[in-house]
Amino acid sequence: FFHDRVNDSFESINLRKSGNDWGNSFFRDGLVSEIAKGMNIDRLAYQPSVVYLNGEYWGMLNLREKPTQHYLEENYGVDKSKVNILENNGDVIEGNASDYTKLRNFIGSESLSEKENYEYVSTKMDIDCFIDYQIPEIYIHNGDWPGNNIKFWNTSSGYGKYRWIIFDTDFGFDLYYNASQINSMEFATDENGHDWPNPPWSTLLLRKLLNNDEFRISFINRFMDCLNTNLSAEVFNDKVDSISYIIDSEVYNHTQRWGNTSYDSWLYEVERIKNFNIDRNYTMREYIKSYFGL
């Protein structure tokens, strides 16, 4: 099913139309998954496909892994009956949220600048995974986040630390506005954000953790490493080209089937994403420097 998974059997998969990006690039969310390869983050594999229903041409849809207990079993070999999958502010998908509720309350009430408090949090959260989860979300300015589309998990045996799954990121890359000029560091740490898309509960973990010197230094260094590697203009835009090359020959057929865009409009959208990244790599460095007073 997927070019980068060794699994040849899946309990379930998604056929996804690229969410809000349908009629634009058709691959914004898949692009983030490809960019996140090699990062310490849980990502949903992506494979563009051509779909027929009972022999009738149905256009392009994206094959995606489905973030369920089976996904964790397939990729981590965990016992799916011992999985806790939570979303947003700790809403339960599978298992229970009792440990996370305690952790969230602790983070909200204690100073993480104190070493012992931070060390305790580090026993409950996969800190490196959390940092790697925040970076692409902030970088692309996913406008439907952080107050939505948060998913994380742990198990009662084996993987006790919470890990984050990146998904549904099609709101990024200038989809509706000039996101390259938005200071997403301030957006993702706003203590008084709007009910949507960045209410205070959604920024709590990152802004409290940034009060700790060790975490702050790790966050800054890791962000800069990513800006110099997988988020650099060269590497990032090579990924855009590789995906657009694969689907290029099918875009015309798809647009003829649905009539919601044109091949020329699609080409323009691909260039818009590439131009976003060229601008964003520079402006993101400036926002990091400004936010941390570097």
Protein backbone atom coordinates (compact mmCIF):
# COMPACT_ATOMS: atom_id res chain seq x y z
CA PHE A 1 0.00 0.00 0.00
CA PHE A 2 2.73 2.47 0.98
CA HIS A 3 6.18 2.99 -0.51
CA ASP A 4 7.83 3.59 2.87
CA ARG A 5 6.22 0.95 5.10
CA VAL A 6 7.41 -2.63 5.40
CA ASN A 7 3.92 -3.75 6.39
CA ASP A 8 1.99 -5.55 3.67
CA SER A 9 -1.19 -5.91 5.73
CA PHE A 10 -3.33 -3.22 7.34
CA GLU A 11 -6.46 -3.53 9.45
CA SER A 12 -7.84 -0.33 7.89
CA ILE A 13 -6.75 2.62 5.77
CA ASN A 14 -8.16 6.00 4.78
CA LEU A 15 -8.92 7.19 1.27
CA ARG A 16 -8.59 10.93 1.78
CA LYS A 17 -9.35 13.78 -0.61
CA SER A 18 -6.71 16.09 0.96
CA GLY A 19 -9.26 17.85 3.19
CA ASN A 20 -9.50 21.61 2.68
CA ASP A 21 -6.77 21.29 0.06
CA TRP A 22 -9.08 19.46 -2.37
CA GLY A 23 -9.14 21.46 -5.58
CA ASN A 24 -5.79 23.08 -4.80
CA SER A 25 -2.59 21.03 -4.64
CA PHE A 26 -4.19 17.72 -3.54
CA PHE A 27 -1.10 16.88 -1.48
CA ARG A 28 -0.50 19.42 1.31
CA ASP A 29 -1.12 16.91 4.11
CA GLY A 30 0.82 14.17 2.34
CA LEU A 31 3.74 16.56 1.88
CA VAL A 32 4.01 17.11 5.64
CA SER A 33 4.12 13.35 6.15
CA GLU A 34 6.96 13.08 3.64
CA ILE A 35 8.84 16.01 5.20
CA ALA A 36 8.48 14.40 8.66
CA LYS A 37 10.34 11.26 7.59
CA GLY A 38 13.36 10.74 9.78
CA MET A 39 11.99 12.99 12.52
CA ASN A 40 11.09 11.57 15.92
CA ILE A 41 7.39 11.85 15.25
CA ASP A 42 4.51 9.53 14.42
CA ARG A 43 3.30 10.18 10.90
CA LEU A 44 0.69 8.64 8.64
CA ALA A 45 2.14 7.13 5.48
CA TYR A 46 1.01 8.71 2.22
CA GLN A 47 0.48 7.29 -1.25
CA PRO A 48 -1.45 9.07 -4.02
CA SER A 49 -3.84 6.78 -5.86
CA VAL A 50 -6.34 6.69 -8.71
CA VAL A 51 -9.76 5.38 -7.68
CA TYR A 52 -12.49 3.63 -9.62
CA LEU A 53 -15.87 2.78 -8.06
CA ASN A 54 -17.53 -0.16 -9.82
CA GLY A 55 -15.51 0.68 -12.91
CA GLU A 56 -16.38 4.39 -12.85
CA TYR A 57 -13.43 6.81 -12.77
CA TRP A 58 -13.47 8.67 -9.45
CA GLY A 59 -10.26 10.68 -9.71
CA MET A 60 -7.38 10.99 -7.27
CA LEU A 61 -7.55 10.14 -3.59
CA ASN A 62 -4.72 9.79 -1.11
CA LEU A 63 -4.13 6.45 0.57
CA ARG A 64 -3.29 7.14 4.22
CA GLU A 65 -2.71 5.14 7.34
CA LYS A 66 -5.48 5.45 9.89
CA PRO A 67 -4.39 6.61 13.40
CA THR A 68 -6.07 3.86 15.42
CA GLN A 69 -4.88 1.25 17.92
CA HIS A 70 -4.20 -0.97 14.90
CA TYR A 71 -1.82 1.62 13.45
CA LEU A 72 0.17 1.48 16.69
CA GLU A 73 0.12 -2.31 16.69
CA GLU A 74 1.28 -2.41 13.06
CA ASN A 75 4.11 0.11 13.51
CA TYR A 76 5.21 -0.47 17.11
CA GLY A 77 4.14 -4.04 17.81
CA VAL A 78 2.23 -2.95 20.91
CA ASP A 79 -0.76 -4.75 22.37
CA LYS A 80 -3.71 -2.81 20.97
CA SER A 81 -5.78 -3.63 24.06
CA LYS A 82 -3.31 -1.65 26.22
CA VAL A 83 -3.25 1.52 24.12
CA ASN A 84 -4.45 4.95 25.23
CA ILE A 85 -5.18 7.26 22.30
CA LEU A 86 -6.22 10.79 23.22
CA GLU A 87 -7.00 13.91 21.23
CA ASN A 88 -7.09 17.67 21.76
CA ASN A 89 -7.36 18.43 25.50
CA GLY A 90 -7.29 14.78 26.57
CA ASP A 91 -10.51 13.48 25.01
CA VAL A 92 -10.44 9.69 24.93
CA ILE A 93 -10.41 7.79 21.64
CA GLU A 94 -9.13 4.53 23.13
CA GLY A 95 -8.26 3.54 26.70
CA ASN A 96 -8.38 6.27 29.35
CA ALA A 97 -6.97 9.72 30.09
CA SER A 98 -6.41 9.51 33.84
CA ASP A 99 -2.60 9.70 33.65
CA TYR A 100 -2.69 12.50 31.11
CA THR A 101 -5.15 14.51 33.21
CA LYS A 102 -2.72 14.31 36.14
CA LEU A 103 0.16 15.32 33.90
CA ARG A 104 -1.72 18.25 32.37
CA ASN A 105 -2.76 19.51 35.81
CA PHE A 106 0.81 19.19 37.06
CA ILE A 107 2.18 21.16 34.12
CA GLY A 108 -0.49 23.80 34.58
CA SER A 109 0.16 24.29 38.29
CA GLU A 110 3.91 23.76 38.75
CA SER A 111 6.97 25.68 37.58
CA LEU A 112 8.86 23.69 34.97
CA SER A 113 11.87 25.95 35.37
CA GLU A 114 12.63 23.82 38.43
CA LYS A 115 14.76 20.82 37.51
CA GLU A 116 12.85 18.20 39.48
CA ASN A 117 9.51 19.24 37.99
CA TYR A 118 10.88 19.13 34.45
CA GLU A 119 12.49 15.75 35.07
CA TYR A 120 9.15 14.39 36.28
CA VAL A 121 7.41 15.64 33.12
CA SER A 122 10.19 14.02 31.08
CA THR A 123 9.23 10.65 32.53
CA LYS A 124 5.68 11.11 31.21
CA MET A 125 6.28 12.75 27.81
CA ASP A 126 8.63 11.81 25.00
CA ILE A 127 10.19 15.27 24.94
CA ASP A 128 12.06 14.80 21.67
CA CYS A 129 8.89 13.59 19.96
CA PHE A 130 6.93 16.56 21.33
CA ILE A 131 9.53 19.00 19.98
CA ASP A 132 9.57 17.32 16.57
CA TYR A 133 5.77 17.43 16.52
CA GLN A 134 5.66 21.16 17.23
CA ILE A 135 8.22 22.18 14.61
CA PRO A 136 6.39 21.30 11.36
CA GLU A 137 3.03 22.48 12.74
CA ILE A 138 4.56 25.85 13.61
CA TYR A 139 6.60 26.06 10.43
CA ILE A 140 3.73 25.50 7.98
CA HIS A 141 1.37 27.54 10.18
CA ASN A 142 -1.38 24.95 10.24
CA GLY A 143 -4.29 27.35 10.71
CA ASP A 144 -6.56 24.65 12.16
CA TRP A 145 -4.13 24.01 15.05
CA PRO A 146 -3.21 23.85 17.97
CA GLY A 147 -6.81 23.93 19.23
CA ASN A 148 -7.76 21.07 16.92
CA ASN A 149 -6.24 18.00 15.25
CA ILE A 150 -4.02 17.01 18.20
CA LYS A 151 -3.59 13.29 18.72
CA PHE A 152 -1.22 11.52 21.10
CA TRP A 153 -0.86 8.11 22.73
CA ASN A 154 0.89 5.84 25.17
CA THR A 155 0.47 2.30 26.44
CA SER A 156 0.13 0.75 29.86
CA SER A 157 3.16 -1.41 29.02
CA GLY A 158 6.07 -0.79 26.67
CA TYR A 159 5.52 2.83 25.62
CA GLY A 160 4.67 4.65 28.81
CA LYS A 161 5.65 8.11 27.57
CA TYR A 162 3.14 10.06 25.50
CA ARG A 163 4.00 10.41 21.81
CA TRP A 164 2.34 12.71 19.25
CA ILE A 165 0.87 11.86 15.84
CA ILE A 166 0.94 14.54 13.14
CA PHE A 167 -2.12 14.48 10.87
CA ASP A 168 -4.64 16.68 9.03
CA THR A 169 -2.23 19.48 8.18
CA ASP A 170 -3.84 20.57 4.90
CA PHE A 171 -4.63 24.01 6.36
CA GLY A 172 -0.95 25.02 6.07
CA PHE A 173 1.30 26.44 3.35
CA ASP A 174 -0.67 29.60 2.57
CA LEU A 175 -3.89 27.70 1.85
CA TYR A 176 -6.11 30.70 2.70
CA TYR A 177 -3.74 33.54 3.61
CA ASN A 178 -0.11 34.64 3.56
CA ALA A 179 1.02 32.29 6.31
CA SER A 180 4.73 32.79 5.63
CA GLN A 181 4.42 36.22 7.29
CA ILE A 182 2.65 34.97 10.44
CA ASN A 183 4.66 34.62 13.67
CA SER A 184 3.55 31.11 14.57
CA MET A 185 5.80 30.96 17.64
CA GLU A 186 3.64 33.61 19.27
CA PHE A 187 0.50 31.94 17.90
CA ALA A 188 1.44 28.52 19.32
CA THR A 189 2.29 29.90 22.76
CA ASP A 190 -0.43 32.53 23.19
CA GLU A 191 -1.69 32.50 26.76
CA ASN A 192 -4.94 34.25 25.80
CA GLY A 193 -5.79 32.83 22.38
CA HIS A 194 -9.24 32.60 20.85
CA ASP A 195 -11.58 29.64 21.40
CA TRP A 196 -10.45 28.61 17.93
CA PRO A 197 -7.85 27.94 16.73
CA ASN A 198 -5.44 28.48 19.67
CA PRO A 199 -7.29 28.49 23.02
CA PRO A 200 -5.13 28.62 26.19
CA TRP A 201 -5.36 24.89 26.90
CA SER A 202 -3.89 24.12 23.47
CA THR A 203 -0.75 26.20 24.05
CA LEU A 204 -0.23 25.19 27.69
CA LEU A 205 2.31 22.40 27.26
CA LEU A 206 4.66 24.23 24.91
CA ARG A 207 4.65 27.59 26.69
CA LYS A 208 5.17 26.00 30.12
CA LEU A 209 7.95 23.72 28.86
CA LEU A 210 9.71 26.70 27.27
CA ASN A 211 10.20 28.09 30.79
CA ASN A 212 12.76 25.35 31.31
CA ASP A 213 16.29 26.17 30.11
CA GLU A 214 17.10 22.62 28.99
CA PHE A 215 13.91 22.30 26.96
CA ARG A 216 14.22 25.78 25.47
CA ILE A 217 17.78 25.15 24.26
CA SER A 218 16.78 21.76 22.82
CA PHE A 219 13.78 23.30 21.08
CA ILE A 220 15.77 26.15 19.50
CA ASN A 221 18.64 23.93 18.36
CA ARG A 222 16.31 21.31 16.93
CA PHE A 223 14.28 23.94 15.08
CA MET A 224 17.46 25.37 13.55
CA ASP A 225 18.66 21.88 12.59
CA CYS A 226 15.38 21.27 10.74
CA LEU A 227 15.54 24.65 8.99
CA ASN A 228 18.98 23.65 7.71
CA THR A 229 17.94 20.15 6.58
CA ASN A 230 14.46 18.79 5.83
CA LEU A 231 12.87 22.27 5.97
CA SER A 232 15.52 23.93 3.86
CA ALA A 233 14.30 25.36 0.57
CA GLU A 234 16.31 22.83 -1.44
CA VAL A 235 15.19 19.67 0.37
CA PHE A 236 11.62 20.83 0.91
CA ASN A 237 11.03 21.87 -2.68
CA ASP A 238 12.61 18.67 -3.97
CA LYS A 239 9.87 16.85 -2.03
CA VAL A 240 7.23 19.08 -3.62
CA ASP A 241 8.64 18.32 -7.07
CA SER A 242 8.80 14.57 -6.42
CA ILE A 243 5.12 14.43 -5.38
CA SER A 244 3.87 16.74 -8.14
CA TYR A 245 5.81 14.69 -10.71
CA ILE A 246 3.96 11.55 -9.61
CA ILE A 247 0.46 13.02 -9.87
CA ASP A 248 1.04 15.44 -12.76
CA SER A 249 -0.25 13.05 -15.44
CA GLU A 250 -3.49 12.46 -13.50
CA VAL A 251 -4.41 16.03 -12.53
CA TYR A 252 -6.07 16.84 -15.85
CA ASN A 253 -8.27 13.72 -15.73
CA HIS A 254 -9.22 14.47 -12.12
CA THR A 255 -10.16 18.09 -12.84
CA GLN A 256 -12.21 17.02 -15.84
CA ARG A 257 -14.08 14.53 -13.64
CA TRP A 258 -14.95 17.03 -10.91
CA GLY A 259 -14.59 20.45 -12.55
CA ASN A 260 -13.46 22.12 -9.34
CA THR A 261 -10.15 23.45 -10.68
CA SER A 262 -7.90 23.28 -13.75
CA TYR A 263 -4.49 21.89 -14.58
CA ASP A 264 -3.05 25.41 -14.86
CA SER A 265 -4.49 26.33 -11.46
CA TRP A 266 -2.87 23.24 -10.00
CA LEU A 267 0.52 24.21 -11.45
CA TYR A 268 0.12 27.66 -9.91
CA GLU A 269 -0.70 26.09 -6.52
CA VAL A 270 2.41 23.90 -6.62
CA GLU A 271 4.56 26.98 -7.23
CA ARG A 272 2.76 28.81 -4.44
CA ILE A 273 3.76 26.09 -1.96
CA LYS A 274 7.37 26.23 -3.13
CA ASN A 275 7.45 30.02 -2.85
CA PHE A 276 5.94 29.77 0.63
CA ASN A 277 8.85 27.66 1.76
CA ILE A 278 11.47 29.96 0.26
CA ASP A 279 9.94 32.89 2.19
CA ARG A 280 9.15 30.90 5.30
CA ASN A 281 12.62 29.53 5.86
CA TYR A 282 13.85 33.11 6.20
CA THR A 283 10.94 34.58 8.16
CA MET A 284 10.82 31.61 10.56
CA ARG A 285 14.44 32.24 11.53
CA GLU A 286 13.56 35.87 12.24
CA TYR A 287 10.56 34.86 14.35
CA ILE A 288 12.68 32.42 16.37
CA LYS A 289 15.33 35.10 16.93
CA SER A 290 12.70 37.64 17.94
CA TYR A 291 10.71 35.28 20.20
CA PHE A 292 13.75 34.07 22.16
CA GLY A 293 15.72 37.33 22.03
CA LEU A 294 18.65 35.69 20.24
